[in-house]
Protein backbone atom coordinates (compact mmCIF):
# COMPACT_ATOMS: atom_id res chain seq x y z
CA MET A 1 -0.02 -0.09 -0.03
CA ALA A 2 2.90 2.58 1.07
CA VAL A 3 4.74 1.91 -2.36
CA ARG A 4 1.51 2.20 -4.48
CA TRP A 5 0.41 5.25 -2.57
CA ARG A 6 3.93 7.09 -2.80
CA ALA A 7 3.67 6.14 -7.04
CA VAL A 8 0.46 8.08 -6.89
CA LEU A 9 1.52 11.18 -5.10
CA ARG A 10 4.39 11.18 -7.60
CA GLU A 11 2.00 11.17 -10.53
CA LEU A 12 0.02 13.85 -9.00
CA ALA A 13 2.95 15.94 -8.09
CA GLY A 14 3.66 15.72 -12.09
CA LEU A 15 0.59 16.76 -12.84
CA GLY A 16 0.85 20.15 -11.19
CA VAL A 17 -0.91 19.26 -8.03
CA GLY A 18 0.53 21.04 -4.88
CA ALA A 19 2.10 19.87 -1.84
CA ARG A 20 -0.70 20.93 0.33
CA VAL A 21 -3.53 19.25 -1.62
CA ARG A 22 -1.22 16.35 -1.83
CA GLU A 23 -0.70 16.05 2.21
CA SER A 24 -4.39 16.62 2.69
CA LEU A 25 -5.36 13.66 0.43
CA THR A 26 -2.80 11.64 2.27
CA ARG A 27 -4.63 12.33 5.48
CA ARG A 28 -8.01 11.49 4.14
CA VAL A 29 -6.97 8.29 2.70
CA LEU A 30 -4.99 7.09 5.72
CA GLY A 31 -7.87 7.84 7.72
CA MET A 32 -10.11 5.92 5.69
CA PRO A 33 -11.35 2.43 7.48
CA PRO A 34 -9.60 -0.64 6.13
CA GLY A 35 -11.26 -2.81 3.90
CA PRO A 36 -11.58 -4.19 0.44
CA ALA A 37 -12.84 -0.87 -1.36
CA VAL A 38 -11.75 1.18 -4.11
CA LEU A 39 -11.02 4.93 -3.06
CA ALA A 40 -12.55 7.67 -5.47
CA ALA A 41 -10.76 11.26 -4.97
CA PHE A 42 -11.57 14.39 -7.14
CA ILE A 43 -9.17 17.80 -6.62
CA VAL A 44 -10.53 20.95 -7.71
CA ASP A 45 -8.18 23.86 -8.71
CA GLY A 46 -7.80 26.39 -6.09
CA GLU A 47 -9.25 24.23 -3.24
CA ASP A 48 -7.26 22.58 -0.76
CA GLU A 49 -9.37 19.92 0.08
CA PRO A 50 -10.33 17.00 -1.98
CA THR A 51 -13.61 15.07 -2.16
CA VAL A 52 -12.70 11.44 -1.30
CA PHE A 53 -15.12 8.53 -0.97
CA GLN A 54 -14.78 4.80 -0.76
CA MET A 55 -16.52 2.61 -3.53
CA PRO A 56 -17.01 -1.08 -1.94
CA GLY A 57 -16.93 -3.88 -4.20
CA ALA A 58 -15.34 -1.81 -7.37
CA CYS A 59 -12.25 -3.21 -9.00
CA ARG A 60 -9.79 -1.53 -10.90
CA THR A 61 -6.23 -0.40 -10.60
CA GLU A 62 -4.68 3.20 -9.97
CA MET A 63 -5.78 5.89 -12.26
CA VAL A 64 -4.61 9.26 -12.03
CA VAL A 65 -6.09 12.02 -14.59
CA ARG A 66 -5.75 15.74 -14.72
CA ALA A 67 -8.73 16.89 -17.37
CA ALA A 68 -10.88 19.69 -17.83
CA LEU A 69 -13.72 17.59 -16.42
CA PRO A 70 -13.64 14.96 -13.64
CA ARG A 71 -13.80 11.50 -15.08
CA ILE A 72 -16.59 9.85 -13.36
CA LEU A 73 -17.53 7.29 -15.71
CA PRO A 74 -15.82 4.35 -13.45
CA VAL A 75 -18.01 6.20 -10.46
CA LEU A 76 -21.19 6.05 -12.71
CA ALA A 77 -20.50 2.58 -13.42
CA TRP A 78 -20.02 1.57 -9.77
CA LEU A 79 -22.80 3.42 -8.73
CA GLN A 80 -24.89 1.79 -11.28
CA HIS A 81 -24.54 -1.46 -9.35
CA GLN A 82 -25.48 0.05 -6.05
CA PRO A 83 -29.14 0.68 -6.85
CA PRO A 84 -31.77 1.71 -4.24
CA TYR A 85 -33.46 -1.53 -3.10
CA VAL A 86 -35.21 -3.25 -0.31
CA LEU A 87 -34.88 -6.72 1.06
CA ALA A 88 -37.65 -7.92 3.12
CA VAL A 89 -37.01 -11.28 4.94
CA VAL A 90 -40.41 -12.48 6.28
CA GLY A 91 -40.88 -15.25 8.93
CA ARG A 92 -44.43 -16.01 10.27
CA ASP A 93 -44.26 -13.58 13.16
CA GLY A 94 -42.43 -10.68 11.61
CA ALA A 95 -39.93 -9.61 9.34
CA ASP A 96 -36.60 -7.58 8.94
CA ILE A 97 -36.87 -4.87 6.26
CA GLU A 98 -33.56 -3.42 4.97
CA ILE A 99 -34.00 -0.19 3.12
CA HIS A 100 -30.82 0.36 0.88
CA PRO A 101 -30.99 4.35 -0.42
CA GLY A 102 -28.24 3.16 -2.68
CA GLY A 103 -24.82 4.50 -3.42
CA THR A 104 -22.87 5.37 -0.35
CA ALA A 105 -25.95 6.16 1.62
CA PRO A 106 -26.32 3.92 4.80
CA MET A 107 -29.17 1.11 4.80
CA VAL A 108 -32.08 1.76 7.27
CA VAL A 109 -33.46 -1.55 9.08
CA ARG A 110 -37.12 -1.75 10.01
CA THR A 111 -38.22 -4.59 12.24
CA VAL A 112 -42.10 -5.52 11.75
CA THR A 113 -43.84 -7.45 14.24
CA ALA A 114 -47.07 -9.10 13.44
CA PRO A 115 -50.02 -8.23 15.42
CA VAL A 116 -51.68 -10.99 17.25
CA GLY A 117 -55.19 -12.42 16.22
CA ASP A 118 -58.11 -13.63 18.27
CA GLY A 119 -58.87 -17.26 18.61
CA ALA A 120 -61.92 -17.13 16.37
CA THR A 121 -60.11 -15.91 13.02
CA ARG A 122 -57.61 -18.58 13.74
CA THR A 123 -59.85 -21.58 13.29
CA ARG A 124 -62.22 -20.49 10.19
CA ASP A 125 -62.11 -18.50 7.44
CA ARG A 126 -64.85 -16.32 6.10
CA ARG A 127 -66.64 -19.26 4.52
CA GLY A 128 -66.51 -21.19 7.73
CA ARG A 129 -63.89 -23.62 6.68
CA HIS A 130 -61.38 -24.86 8.91
CA ARG A 131 -58.12 -23.64 8.80
CA HIS A 132 -54.38 -24.62 9.68
CA PRO A 133 -53.95 -23.07 13.19
CA GLY A 134 -50.85 -21.08 11.74
CA GLN A 135 -52.60 -19.99 8.74
CA ASP A 136 -53.67 -16.55 10.11
CA GLY A 137 -50.41 -16.02 11.49
CA TRP A 138 -48.74 -16.05 8.22
CA GLU A 139 -51.50 -13.97 6.69
CA ARG A 140 -51.37 -11.06 9.19
CA THR A 141 -47.68 -11.12 9.04
CA GLY A 142 -47.80 -10.81 5.27
CA SER A 143 -50.52 -8.10 5.39
CA CYS A 144 -48.55 -5.87 7.85
CA VAL A 145 -45.41 -6.27 5.57
CA ALA A 146 -47.06 -5.30 2.54
CA ASP A 147 -48.40 -2.22 4.12
CA VAL A 148 -44.85 -1.19 5.22
CA LEU A 149 -43.41 -2.02 1.63
CA LYS A 150 -46.35 -0.07 -0.02
CA ASP A 151 -45.20 3.12 1.88
CA GLN A 152 -41.75 2.60 1.01
CA LEU A 153 -41.96 1.71 -2.32
CA VAL A 154 -44.82 3.61 -4.23
CA GLY A 155 -43.87 6.98 -5.52
CA GLY A 156 -40.20 6.62 -4.41
CA ARG A 157 -37.07 6.01 -6.39
CA THR A 158 -36.89 2.29 -5.37
CA ARG A 159 -37.25 0.09 -8.50
CA LEU A 160 -35.98 -3.47 -7.02
CA LEU A 161 -37.66 -5.43 -4.17
CA LEU A 162 -35.93 -8.91 -3.16
CA LEU A 163 -37.99 -11.07 -0.79
CA ALA A 164 -36.97 -14.08 1.33
CA GLY A 165 -38.42 -16.23 3.96
CA ASP A 166 -41.30 -18.51 4.91
CA PRO A 167 -42.91 -19.31 1.62
CA ARG A 168 -46.37 -18.97 3.13
CA ALA A 169 -45.95 -15.36 4.45
CA LEU A 170 -44.15 -14.37 1.30
CA HIS A 171 -47.55 -15.51 -0.66
CA ALA A 172 -49.29 -13.30 1.87
CA VAL A 173 -47.02 -10.48 0.94
CA ASP A 174 -47.43 -11.14 -2.59
CA GLN A 175 -51.42 -10.92 -2.12
CA GLY A 176 -50.84 -7.46 -0.35
CA LEU A 177 -49.03 -5.57 -2.77
CA PRO A 178 -51.08 -3.56 -5.27
CA GLY A 179 -51.18 -4.49 -8.77
CA SER A 180 -50.13 -1.01 -9.72
CA MET A 181 -46.73 -1.29 -7.89
CA ARG A 182 -45.75 -3.84 -10.35
CA HIS A 183 -45.50 -1.47 -13.08
CA GLN A 184 -42.84 0.20 -11.02
CA VAL A 185 -40.81 -2.30 -9.00
CA SER A 186 -39.52 -5.50 -9.93
CA VAL A 187 -39.88 -8.15 -7.31
CA ARG A 188 -37.49 -10.95 -7.08
CA TYR A 189 -37.78 -13.77 -4.50
CA VAL A 190 -34.55 -15.17 -3.34
CA PRO A 191 -33.65 -18.14 -0.85
CA GLY A 192 -32.94 -17.50 2.84
CA GLY A 193 -34.78 -16.52 5.72
CA ARG A 194 -34.96 -16.53 9.70
CA GLY A 195 -34.52 -19.49 11.61
CA GLN A 196 -36.73 -20.68 14.89
CA ASP A 197 -34.55 -18.58 16.69
CA GLY A 198 -35.21 -15.21 14.91
CA THR A 199 -31.86 -15.33 13.26
CA TRP A 200 -31.30 -14.85 9.71
CA HIS A 201 -30.11 -17.89 7.54
CA ARG A 202 -27.94 -15.33 4.91
CA GLY A 203 -25.96 -18.30 3.24
CA GLY A 204 -28.49 -18.42 0.03
CA LEU A 205 -29.33 -14.84 0.06
CA ASN A 206 -26.92 -13.88 -2.98
CA VAL A 207 -27.81 -10.14 -2.70
CA GLN A 208 -25.01 -8.80 -4.92
CA GLN A 209 -25.89 -11.70 -7.49
CA GLN A 210 -29.42 -10.29 -7.57
CA LEU A 211 -28.19 -6.72 -8.01
CA ARG A 212 -26.10 -7.51 -10.74
CA ALA A 213 -28.65 -9.80 -12.67
CA TRP A 214 -31.26 -6.74 -12.29
CA VAL A 215 -29.07 -4.06 -13.52
CA ASP A 216 -27.98 -6.32 -16.40
CA GLU A 217 -31.64 -6.92 -17.21
CA GLN A 218 -32.03 -3.08 -17.36
CA ASN A 219 -29.15 -2.47 -19.66
CA ARG A 220 -30.43 -5.23 -22.09
CA ARG A 221 -33.80 -3.51 -22.17
CA VAL A 222 -32.21 -0.05 -23.20
CA LEU A 223 -30.07 -1.72 -25.69
CA ARG A 224 -33.00 -3.69 -26.94
CA ARG A 225 -34.92 -0.52 -27.53
CA ILE A 226 -32.49 1.15 -29.21
CA GLY A 227 -32.16 -1.53 -31.80
CA GLU A 228 -35.75 -1.96 -32.20
CA GLY A 229 -35.82 2.10 -32.67
CA ARG A 230 -33.11 2.65 -35.13
CA ASP A 231 -35.28 3.15 -37.67
CA ALA A 232 -37.97 4.88 -36.05
CA ASN A 233 -37.29 8.71 -37.45
CA GLY A 234 -34.93 10.23 -34.67
CA TRP A 235 -35.95 8.46 -31.48
CA VAL A 236 -32.61 6.85 -31.39
CA ALA A 237 -29.18 8.67 -31.63
CA GLU A 238 -26.38 6.31 -32.12
CA GLY A 239 -22.53 7.09 -32.67
CA ALA A 240 -20.29 10.05 -31.26
CA SER A 241 -21.47 12.81 -33.19
CA ALA A 242 -25.19 12.09 -33.61
CA THR A 243 -25.61 11.38 -29.62
CA LEU A 244 -23.62 14.90 -28.72
CA GLU A 245 -26.13 16.70 -30.98
CA ALA A 246 -29.11 15.06 -29.54
CA LEU A 247 -27.76 15.93 -26.09
CA ALA A 248 -26.88 19.60 -27.13
CA HIS A 249 -30.87 20.01 -27.98
CA GLY A 250 -32.13 18.23 -24.63
CA ARG A 251 -33.56 15.41 -26.65
CA VAL A 252 -31.82 12.46 -24.69
CA ARG A 253 -34.18 10.55 -22.32
CA VAL A 254 -31.29 7.61 -21.57
CA LEU A 255 -27.79 7.97 -22.53
CA VAL A 256 -25.70 4.83 -23.18
CA VAL A 257 -21.95 4.91 -22.76
CA VAL A 258 -19.54 1.89 -23.21
CA ASN A 259 -16.99 2.01 -20.33
CA ASP A 260 -13.94 1.69 -22.34
CA ALA A 261 -10.76 2.65 -20.55
CA GLU A 262 -9.01 2.50 -24.13
CA ASP A 263 -10.93 5.16 -25.37
CA ARG A 264 -8.86 8.24 -26.31
CA ARG A 265 -11.65 10.31 -28.23
CA THR A 266 -12.08 13.85 -27.24
CA ALA A 267 -15.29 16.29 -27.66
CA TRP A 268 -15.88 19.98 -27.16
CA PHE A 269 -18.24 21.54 -24.33
CA VAL A 270 -18.90 25.16 -23.12
CA PRO A 271 -18.84 25.56 -19.51
CA GLY A 272 -22.24 26.85 -17.98
CA GLY A 273 -24.37 24.64 -20.66
CA ALA A 274 -25.13 21.63 -22.24
CA GLU A 275 -23.64 22.37 -25.83
CA ALA A 276 -21.42 19.56 -26.79
CA SER A 277 -19.92 18.50 -30.21
CA MET A 278 -17.11 16.52 -31.69
CA THR A 279 -15.59 19.28 -33.67
CA LEU A 280 -14.73 23.08 -32.78
CA PRO A 281 -17.36 25.28 -34.16
CA ALA A 282 -15.77 27.78 -36.36
CA THR A 283 -18.13 30.70 -35.51
CA GLY A 284 -20.50 31.81 -32.38
CA SER A 285 -19.21 30.85 -29.15
CA ALA A 286 -16.27 28.85 -30.37
CA GLY A 287 -13.77 30.88 -27.94
CA LEU A 288 -15.86 29.71 -25.05
CA HIS A 289 -15.46 25.87 -25.82
CA ARG A 290 -12.89 23.63 -23.97
CA ARG A 291 -12.08 20.02 -24.85
CA ALA A 292 -12.37 16.79 -22.96
CA ALA A 293 -12.72 13.24 -22.79
CA LEU A 294 -15.87 12.06 -25.19
CA ALA A 295 -17.76 10.08 -22.37
CA ASP A 296 -17.13 12.88 -19.96
CA VAL A 297 -18.51 15.44 -22.30
CA ALA A 298 -21.39 13.24 -22.87
CA VAL A 299 -22.23 12.22 -19.15
CA ARG A 300 -22.02 16.05 -18.41
CA ALA A 301 -24.36 17.18 -20.94
CA ALA A 302 -26.74 14.12 -19.70
CA ILE A 303 -26.61 15.44 -16.32
CA LEU A 304 -27.44 18.97 -17.19
CA THR A 305 -30.40 17.97 -19.33
CA GLY A 306 -31.79 15.49 -16.72
CA ALA A 307 -31.05 12.18 -18.79
CA GLU A 308 -30.91 8.89 -17.14
CA ILE A 309 -27.27 7.46 -17.80
CA ARG A 310 -26.72 3.60 -18.25
CA ILE A 311 -22.79 2.55 -18.62
CA VAL A 312 -22.16 -0.92 -20.50
CA GLU A 313 -18.67 -3.08 -20.89
CA PRO A 314 -17.04 -3.11 -23.88
CA ASP A 315 -18.17 -6.69 -24.58
CA THR A 316 -21.62 -6.22 -24.03
CA VAL A 317 -24.06 -7.47 -26.96
CA ASP A 318 -25.76 -5.16 -28.96
CA ALA A 319 -23.99 -1.88 -27.68
CA PRO A 320 -24.52 1.06 -29.41
CA ALA A 321 -22.23 2.04 -32.69
CA GLU A 322 -19.08 3.85 -31.75
CA GLY A 323 -19.64 3.09 -27.84
CA ILE A 324 -22.33 5.88 -27.37
CA GLY A 325 -25.95 5.98 -28.24
CA ALA A 326 -29.27 7.36 -26.74
CA LEU A 327 -33.30 7.07 -26.58
CA CYS A 328 -34.57 10.22 -27.28
CA ARG A 329 -37.64 11.90 -25.65
CA PHE A 330 -39.00 12.85 -29.12
CA GLY A 331 -38.13 12.25 -32.76
CA GLY A 332 -35.56 14.14 -34.93
């Protein structure tokens, strides 16, 4: 670690980063809790305090870049695999609900305890048929958990719900979730649950595997729509020039960028605006333009115009031509 960090500091010094900033960055890095996490640091000219945060689960070698725009594509690729989601582990008498806001935000845990029913409802259903003594317990738990999940999910940012636990209680949860929520939230069932002593059996949950599968599914859906809309009169932009033009005019709804570390292409942008192009205009605001990596210029324009951003890897099937493309809000 010490040898690698000294190499990073030498690269920073070679890029003109002052001693005070390097010392501040070293304090921040050495003060981070130990663990298998990549660190992201951003340094702004004229400021002594860098922004530093951990990216647990990220996997990449050191990269030191000085540019007109921050190199945030690796950060966005990592954030894409840390989406907001809810994990509910349900048993007969209650549930533990983990609420993950996404990114670096800490999770919140809610414990749900099912209300106790009376003796009459435990033995017969509404038609007078005899029931299993524990059936109402599962239904009460499922109904209670479903109410909590509805409050958390309907109308919010979360688009993924993971459910684990007793199948009978999960069936009751499923029955209690409104059909309209299914259009907003993807529900996945995972193995694992709570034991008789209330402890979690986490061995089979494979939450990270579920998250990766869901993210890949979202990416495939966008790529499929790009493929279907290529001849739809401007509803798809593909290739560097066409995509930047659509971004500059605020037409892009979803930007797709291939996360290629070997991509050396650059593009032009104007500070304070969403203007972006592959070539420097000969007239107009040409004197205001600055140059940066193509992906960074595209991502900046997408953020400024409120477009969603999807990052895919270089070997992704049906990736857009030239490694960049978009679904548009309206035709050209």
